[in-house]
Amino acid sequence: MEEKVVVLITGKKRAGKSTLASKLTLAFSDLGLDVAKLSYANFLKKIMRELGVDKYDITKRKYKDFEDFYKTLKEVLIRRLYVYKDLLEKVLEREKENLKEVYEEYFEKKNKDYGYRKLAQILGTEILRSVKEEIHVEKLLEKLTNIIHFVDVVIIDDYRFPNEDLKEILKDEENVKVVRIKVEANDLEEDELSNHASEREVDKLKVDMVVKRKAYSEEFYIDIKELVKKIIEGGEKWKV
């Protein structure tokens, strides 16, 4: 395939973004196409794993108390982003109480899912984006630049902010087509995390297609093979 395809997937939490990404990966692969999956949150997730906070609680890292956790977090961030050391220290101090709440939920109350998601929101938005708004975009573009010539399709399943719109960022690139897909579902439940900027901004994003997931299911109303065909063929005819 001469033209490279980048699929940007957005949607609220638990809408089915990762599910759609997995199904698309299999469908593109069945056509003999090479597929790579990237994430704006890759850099964030590396930091969280280093802290011992992961989605499946694999690392089981322990801390003496919150201050031990906070000290480790500061060391990890400064080591990775030393040029922003002074700003990082100010932002961390500002978010200290919120970080303490996350520590209690994840490490003391063992509320792993909530603690993981809450820390991802605080670290990814309130801390990292405060230090440098484009940080997640820059990290992803580094990886995209390294792999785009070796694959046919790149799938990114966590498009959440307007500045992450690769259709705009890559508009001058030849032979690269970006398709933005929003996943919607009728079984989503609102909670405290739903009011975060990373959730609210989703409704403001530009998209090319809306795909609906069936309630309480991992299936979608559109056939995945038909969706792949639409993505490859493209055109204004399916723009929404």
Protein backbone atom coordinates (compact mmCIF):
# COMPACT_ATOMS: atom_id res chain seq x y z
CA MET A 1 0.00 0.00 0.00
CA GLU A 2 1.66 3.21 -1.18
CA GLU A 3 -0.29 5.52 1.11
CA LYS A 4 0.36 5.22 4.84
CA VAL A 5 -2.73 5.24 7.05
CA VAL A 6 -2.85 6.63 10.58
CA VAL A 7 -6.02 5.82 12.52
CA LEU A 8 -6.74 8.12 15.46
CA ILE A 9 -9.35 6.75 17.87
CA THR A 10 -11.12 8.87 20.46
CA GLY A 11 -14.00 8.37 22.87
CA LYS A 12 -14.91 8.53 26.55
CA LYS A 13 -13.40 6.08 29.03
CA ARG A 14 -14.67 2.51 28.58
CA ALA A 15 -16.31 3.45 25.27
CA GLY A 16 -14.38 0.71 23.52
CA LYS A 17 -11.36 2.51 22.05
CA SER A 18 -8.88 -0.27 22.79
CA THR A 19 -11.39 -2.90 21.68
CA LEU A 20 -11.82 -1.17 18.32
CA ALA A 21 -8.06 -0.75 17.97
CA SER A 22 -7.52 -4.48 18.53
CA LYS A 23 -10.21 -5.46 16.03
CA LEU A 24 -8.82 -3.05 13.42
CA THR A 25 -5.31 -4.39 13.96
CA LEU A 26 -6.48 -7.94 13.24
CA ALA A 27 -8.53 -6.86 10.22
CA PHE A 28 -5.68 -4.87 8.65
CA SER A 29 -3.27 -7.72 9.35
CA ASP A 30 -5.64 -10.17 7.62
CA LEU A 31 -5.19 -8.06 4.49
CA GLY A 32 -1.44 -8.61 4.69
CA LEU A 33 -0.76 -5.09 5.93
CA ASP A 34 1.86 -4.29 8.56
CA VAL A 35 0.27 -2.58 11.54
CA ALA A 36 1.82 -0.72 14.49
CA LYS A 37 0.02 0.53 17.58
CA LEU A 38 1.13 3.71 19.32
CA SER A 39 -0.22 5.73 22.20
CA TYR A 40 0.04 9.31 23.36
CA ALA A 41 0.23 7.86 26.86
CA ASN A 42 3.32 5.68 26.23
CA PHE A 43 5.63 8.10 28.02
CA LEU A 44 3.16 8.48 30.88
CA LYS A 45 2.77 4.71 31.26
CA LYS A 46 6.55 4.24 31.44
CA ILE A 47 6.66 6.66 34.36
CA MET A 48 3.76 4.91 36.09
CA ARG A 49 5.36 1.48 35.67
CA GLU A 50 8.56 2.87 37.15
CA LEU A 51 6.50 3.98 40.15
CA GLY A 52 4.96 0.54 40.49
CA VAL A 53 1.50 1.71 39.41
CA ASP A 54 0.26 -0.40 36.53
CA LYS A 55 -3.13 -1.43 35.21
CA TYR A 56 -2.77 -5.07 36.25
CA ASP A 57 -0.79 -4.55 39.48
CA ILE A 58 2.10 -6.65 38.17
CA THR A 59 5.02 -4.84 39.81
CA LYS A 60 3.60 -4.87 43.36
CA ARG A 61 6.05 -2.20 44.45
CA LYS A 62 5.71 -1.04 48.04
CA TYR A 63 6.43 2.30 49.72
CA LYS A 64 6.92 3.12 53.39
CA ASP A 65 4.41 5.95 53.19
CA PHE A 66 3.17 8.73 50.91
CA GLU A 67 6.31 10.82 51.37
CA ASP A 68 8.40 7.90 50.12
CA PHE A 69 6.14 7.65 47.05
CA TYR A 70 6.21 11.41 46.47
CA LYS A 71 10.01 11.51 46.70
CA THR A 72 10.30 8.66 44.20
CA LEU A 73 7.87 10.35 41.80
CA LYS A 74 9.85 13.57 41.94
CA GLU A 75 13.12 11.73 41.28
CA VAL A 76 11.64 9.84 38.31
CA LEU A 77 10.18 12.96 36.70
CA ILE A 78 13.27 15.10 37.20
CA ARG A 79 15.51 12.37 35.82
CA ARG A 80 13.38 12.11 32.68
CA LEU A 81 12.68 15.83 32.29
CA TYR A 82 15.62 17.51 33.98
CA VAL A 83 15.46 20.61 31.79
CA TYR A 84 12.10 21.40 33.45
CA LYS A 85 13.30 20.66 37.01
CA ASP A 86 12.22 23.95 38.62
CA LEU A 87 8.80 23.97 36.99
CA LEU A 88 8.28 20.29 37.83
CA GLU A 89 8.93 20.93 41.51
CA LYS A 90 6.36 23.75 41.58
CA VAL A 91 3.72 21.70 39.76
CA LEU A 92 4.32 18.67 41.99
CA GLU A 93 3.90 20.80 45.09
CA ARG A 94 0.65 22.18 43.69
CA GLU A 95 -0.69 18.67 43.06
CA LYS A 96 0.62 17.10 46.27
CA GLU A 97 -2.76 16.69 47.97
CA ASN A 98 -4.28 15.10 44.87
CA LEU A 99 -1.31 12.74 44.62
CA LYS A 100 -1.77 11.80 48.26
CA GLU A 101 -5.38 10.83 47.57
CA VAL A 102 -4.23 8.63 44.67
CA TYR A 103 -1.55 6.99 46.84
CA GLU A 104 -4.15 6.14 49.49
CA GLU A 105 -6.57 4.70 46.94
CA TYR A 106 -4.01 2.59 45.07
CA PHE A 107 -1.58 1.48 47.77
CA GLU A 108 -3.64 1.58 50.99
CA LYS A 109 -7.27 1.00 50.02
CA LYS A 110 -6.23 -1.28 47.14
CA ASN A 111 -8.70 0.48 44.83
CA LYS A 112 -6.40 -0.29 41.91
CA ASP A 113 -8.57 0.66 38.93
CA TYR A 114 -9.62 4.04 40.32
CA GLY A 115 -6.11 4.78 41.62
CA TYR A 116 -4.51 3.91 38.29
CA ARG A 117 -6.92 6.03 36.25
CA LYS A 118 -6.76 8.96 38.66
CA LEU A 119 -2.96 8.99 38.69
CA ALA A 120 -2.93 8.80 34.88
CA GLN A 121 -5.16 11.89 34.75
CA ILE A 122 -3.11 13.87 37.27
CA LEU A 123 0.29 12.90 35.87
CA GLY A 124 -0.68 13.14 32.23
CA THR A 125 -2.63 16.40 32.36
CA GLU A 126 -2.13 18.40 35.56
CA ILE A 127 1.60 17.65 35.77
CA LEU A 128 3.12 16.74 32.38
CA ARG A 129 0.90 18.94 30.20
CA SER A 130 1.40 21.80 32.68
CA VAL A 131 5.16 21.46 32.30
CA LYS A 132 4.93 21.28 28.50
CA GLU A 133 1.58 21.16 26.71
CA GLU A 134 2.98 19.38 23.65
CA ILE A 135 4.96 16.76 25.56
CA HIS A 136 2.74 13.77 24.68
CA VAL A 137 2.52 14.85 21.05
CA GLU A 138 6.28 15.27 20.73
CA LYS A 139 6.96 11.85 22.28
CA LEU A 140 4.49 10.17 19.94
CA LEU A 141 5.82 11.95 16.85
CA GLU A 142 9.32 10.71 17.67
CA LYS A 143 8.07 7.12 17.57
CA LEU A 144 5.85 7.71 14.56
CA THR A 145 8.76 9.15 12.58
CA ASN A 146 10.84 6.08 13.37
CA ILE A 147 8.27 3.51 12.22
CA ILE A 148 6.06 5.13 9.57
CA HIS A 149 8.29 3.99 6.68
CA PHE A 150 8.27 0.36 7.84
CA VAL A 151 4.53 -0.20 8.31
CA ASP A 152 1.34 0.36 6.34
CA VAL A 153 -0.99 1.33 9.18
CA VAL A 154 -0.49 3.03 12.55
CA ILE A 155 -3.31 2.89 15.10
CA ILE A 156 -3.45 5.33 18.04
CA ASP A 157 -6.30 4.71 20.47
CA ASP A 158 -6.04 7.62 22.92
CA TYR A 159 -6.71 10.83 20.97
CA ARG A 160 -8.08 13.13 23.71
CA PHE A 161 -7.02 16.75 23.16
CA PRO A 162 -7.28 19.14 20.18
CA ASN A 163 -3.48 19.53 19.97
CA GLU A 164 -3.24 15.75 19.34
CA ASP A 165 -5.05 16.01 16.00
CA LEU A 166 -2.56 14.37 13.64
CA LYS A 167 -4.72 15.20 10.65
CA GLU A 168 -3.80 18.83 11.25
CA ILE A 169 -0.22 18.15 12.34
CA LEU A 170 0.56 15.96 9.31
CA LYS A 171 -1.49 17.85 6.75
CA ASP A 172 1.58 18.70 4.66
CA GLU A 173 2.98 15.17 4.67
CA GLU A 174 2.69 13.38 1.35
CA ASN A 175 1.30 9.83 1.19
CA VAL A 176 0.05 9.89 4.78
CA LYS A 177 -3.68 9.74 5.39
CA VAL A 178 -5.10 10.34 8.87
CA VAL A 179 -8.57 9.04 9.74
CA ARG A 180 -10.11 10.17 13.04
CA ILE A 181 -12.72 7.84 14.56
CA LYS A 182 -14.88 8.47 17.62
CA VAL A 183 -16.24 5.50 19.55
CA GLU A 184 -19.59 5.92 21.28
CA ALA A 185 -21.68 3.60 23.47
CA ASN A 186 -24.93 3.81 25.45
CA ASP A 187 -23.74 1.88 28.50
CA LEU A 188 -21.20 4.38 29.86
CA GLU A 189 -21.51 5.37 33.51
CA GLU A 190 -20.54 8.79 34.79
CA ASP A 191 -18.30 9.10 37.85
CA GLU A 192 -15.80 11.55 39.36
CA LEU A 193 -13.21 10.78 36.68
CA SER A 194 -15.71 11.60 33.92
CA ASN A 195 -15.46 15.32 34.69
CA HIS A 196 -11.73 15.49 34.04
CA ALA A 197 -10.39 17.58 31.12
CA SER A 198 -9.19 14.43 29.34
CA GLU A 199 -12.84 13.33 29.18
CA ARG A 200 -14.52 16.69 28.59
CA GLU A 201 -12.26 17.61 25.66
CA VAL A 202 -13.31 14.50 23.72
CA ASP A 203 -16.59 16.12 22.71
CA LYS A 204 -14.71 19.06 21.16
CA LEU A 205 -12.50 16.98 18.88
CA LYS A 206 -12.78 16.91 15.12
CA VAL A 207 -13.56 13.43 13.78
CA ASP A 208 -14.18 11.85 10.40
CA MET A 209 -16.31 8.92 11.52
CA VAL A 210 -18.41 7.86 14.50
CA VAL A 211 -18.53 4.16 15.34
CA LYS A 212 -21.02 2.87 17.89
CA ARG A 213 -20.36 -0.07 20.17
CA LYS A 214 -23.27 -2.29 21.16
CA ALA A 215 -24.26 -1.86 24.81
CA TYR A 216 -22.66 -4.33 27.24
CA SER A 217 -20.76 -5.93 24.37
CA GLU A 218 -17.41 -5.78 22.61
CA GLU A 219 -19.13 -5.80 19.25
CA PHE A 220 -19.83 -2.78 17.04
CA TYR A 221 -22.80 -1.91 14.87
CA ILE A 222 -20.56 -1.60 11.83
CA ASP A 223 -18.82 -4.66 10.41
CA ILE A 224 -15.09 -4.27 11.05
CA LYS A 225 -14.17 -5.39 7.53
CA GLU A 226 -16.51 -2.74 6.12
CA LEU A 227 -14.92 -0.16 8.42
CA VAL A 228 -11.43 -1.10 7.20
CA LYS A 229 -12.62 -0.71 3.62
CA LYS A 230 -13.96 2.77 4.39
CA ILE A 231 -10.69 3.75 6.07
CA ILE A 232 -8.58 2.58 3.13
CA GLU A 233 -10.80 4.05 0.43
CA GLY A 234 -11.46 7.24 2.38
CA GLY A 235 -12.96 10.33 0.87
CA GLU A 236 -15.49 12.93 1.86
CA LYS A 237 -18.33 10.52 1.15
CA TRP A 238 -18.11 9.06 4.66
CA LYS A 239 -17.11 12.16 6.55
CA VAL A 240 -19.47 13.00 9.43
